[in-house]
Each structure stands twice: as C-alpha cells, then as structure tokens.
Amino acid sequence: MAWLFSLITTMLENPIILNAITVFVTAFVTWMFSRQKSKRDLKALDTENEIKASKYYQGLLDDLSTRLDKAISELMLLEERHSKLMDTNRDLVVQLQKFKQLNGKSN
C-alpha cells in the first residue's frame, strides 16, 4: 500500500501528469452535470411532445364528433324519407290492385 501512495505522490509532483489528471477530473465532473441536464431537457421535450400529440388527437376527436353528428342527422333524414317512400309505395300498390280489380284482372 505504501508503494501505491509513493507512486501517486511522484505522479502528482510531475506537472504534466498533474495537468492531465486535472483535465480528466474536470471533464468527468462536467460530463456528470451535463448528463443530468440532458436528462432534464429530454424529459421536458418528451412532455412537450406529449402535450402537442394530445392537442392533435383532441382536434381529430372533435372533428370526428362533428362528422358523426352530421352523419347521424343525415341518416335520420334518409330514414324519414325511406319511410315516406315506403308509405307512398304501399299506397300505389293498393291503387294498382284497385285498378286491376276494376279492369277485371285481379289476382
């Protein structure tokens, strides 16, 4: 263990090695702090993207809701028209049967 301590002290006395160690320690500390900042920025960006996506999908849902309401109202009108046409068709069939009976061509 003493040999390790003496090796470290001789390395620290050398200015080139001391400068290199200082550079590496500084770089490591900077990297640690910048990594934490990058994680925070990434999380903020993810949150912002989720908000944008939710607004986009909310707009799509609102549009689909409007379209659905319009389609339902059109369907109700078509059903009403179909019902009226069926009534008219029944009336015409009855009139046709009466006409055939009057002309002696009843079934």
Protein backbone atom coordinates (compact mmCIF):
# COMPACT_ATOMS: atom_id res chain seq x y z
CA MET A 1 0.00 0.00 0.00
CA ALA A 2 2.89 2.30 0.72
CA TRP A 3 4.22 1.76 -2.76
CA LEU A 4 0.89 2.96 -4.21
CA PHE A 5 0.99 6.08 -2.08
CA SER A 6 4.56 6.83 -3.17
CA LEU A 7 3.61 6.25 -6.81
CA ILE A 8 0.72 8.69 -6.51
CA THR A 9 2.83 11.35 -4.83
CA THR A 10 5.53 11.09 -7.51
CA MET A 11 2.88 11.33 -10.21
CA LEU A 12 1.36 14.40 -8.59
CA GLU A 13 4.75 16.08 -8.42
CA ASN A 14 5.06 15.80 -12.19
CA PRO A 15 3.27 18.88 -13.65
CA ILE A 16 2.31 17.16 -16.91
CA ILE A 17 0.60 14.29 -15.14
CA LEU A 18 -1.00 16.68 -12.67
CA ASN A 19 -2.41 18.77 -15.54
CA ALA A 20 -3.68 15.65 -17.30
CA ILE A 21 -5.39 14.44 -14.14
CA THR A 22 -6.93 17.88 -13.63
CA VAL A 23 -8.24 17.87 -17.20
CA PHE A 24 -9.75 14.39 -16.84
CA VAL A 25 -11.36 15.17 -13.47
CA THR A 26 -12.79 18.42 -14.83
CA ALA A 27 -14.09 16.66 -17.93
CA PHE A 28 -15.67 13.91 -15.81
CA VAL A 29 -17.42 16.38 -13.49
CA THR A 30 -18.64 18.43 -16.46
CA TRP A 31 -19.93 15.29 -18.15
CA MET A 32 -21.81 14.26 -14.99
CA PHE A 33 -23.58 17.63 -14.70
CA SER A 34 -24.28 17.89 -18.43
CA ARG A 35 -25.74 14.38 -18.43
CA GLN A 36 -28.20 15.35 -15.71
CA LYS A 37 -29.13 18.50 -17.63
CA SER A 38 -29.57 16.49 -20.81
CA LYS A 39 -31.90 14.10 -19.00
CA ARG A 40 -33.99 17.02 -17.72
CA ASP A 41 -34.10 18.60 -21.18
CA LEU A 42 -35.10 15.29 -22.75
CA LYS A 43 -37.87 14.81 -20.21
CA ALA A 44 -39.13 18.35 -20.84
CA LEU A 45 -39.07 17.71 -24.59
CA ASP A 46 -40.98 14.44 -24.15
CA THR A 47 -43.60 16.24 -22.06
CA GLU A 48 -43.92 18.97 -24.68
CA ASN A 49 -44.33 16.38 -27.44
CA GLU A 50 -46.98 14.56 -25.42
CA ILE A 51 -48.90 17.82 -24.98
CA LYS A 52 -48.70 18.53 -28.73
CA ALA A 53 -49.83 14.99 -29.54
CA SER A 54 -52.76 15.22 -27.14
CA LYS A 55 -53.86 18.53 -28.70
CA TYR A 56 -53.60 16.98 -32.17
CA TYR A 57 -55.66 13.95 -31.20
CA GLN A 58 -58.17 16.14 -29.37
CA GLY A 59 -58.64 18.09 -32.61
CA LEU A 60 -59.15 14.84 -34.51
CA LEU A 61 -61.72 13.67 -31.97
CA ASP A 62 -63.58 16.96 -32.14
CA ASP A 63 -63.64 16.75 -35.94
CA LEU A 64 -64.85 13.15 -35.83
CA SER A 65 -67.53 14.08 -33.33
CA THR A 66 -68.78 16.81 -35.64
CA ARG A 67 -68.75 14.44 -38.61
CA LEU A 68 -70.58 11.78 -36.61
CA ASP A 69 -73.30 14.22 -35.57
CA LYS A 70 -73.72 15.30 -39.19
CA ALA A 71 -73.85 11.69 -40.42
CA ILE A 72 -76.44 10.78 -37.79
CA SER A 73 -78.66 13.71 -38.76
CA GLU A 74 -78.35 12.77 -42.45
CA LEU A 75 -79.17 9.16 -41.61
CA MET A 76 -82.27 10.24 -39.71
CA LEU A 77 -83.40 12.31 -42.71
CA LEU A 78 -82.80 9.35 -45.03
CA GLU A 79 -84.76 7.05 -42.74
CA GLU A 80 -87.64 9.53 -42.71
CA ARG A 81 -87.52 9.79 -46.50
CA HIS A 82 -87.39 5.99 -46.79
CA SER A 83 -90.43 5.69 -44.53
CA LYS A 84 -92.35 8.21 -46.65
CA LEU A 85 -91.37 6.38 -49.86
CA MET A 86 -92.49 3.07 -48.36
CA ASP A 87 -95.84 4.62 -47.45
CA THR A 88 -96.16 6.02 -50.98
CA ASN A 89 -95.24 2.61 -52.41
CA ARG A 90 -97.93 0.89 -50.29
CA ASP A 91 -100.49 3.43 -51.44
CA LEU A 92 -99.51 2.88 -55.07
CA VAL A 93 -99.71 -0.90 -54.67
CA VAL A 94 -103.21 -0.54 -53.18
CA GLN A 95 -104.25 1.76 -56.03
CA LEU A 96 -102.79 -0.70 -58.57
CA GLN A 97 -104.72 -3.57 -57.04
CA LYS A 98 -107.94 -1.49 -57.15
CA PHE A 99 -107.21 -0.59 -60.77
CA LYS A 100 -106.67 -4.24 -61.68
CA GLN A 101 -109.92 -5.20 -59.90
CA LEU A 102 -111.80 -2.53 -61.82
CA ASN A 103 -110.41 -3.81 -65.11
CA GLY A 104 -111.13 -7.45 -64.22
CA LYS A 105 -107.52 -8.53 -63.90
CA SER A 106 -107.41 -9.33 -60.21
CA ASN A 107 -105.06 -11.99 -58.96
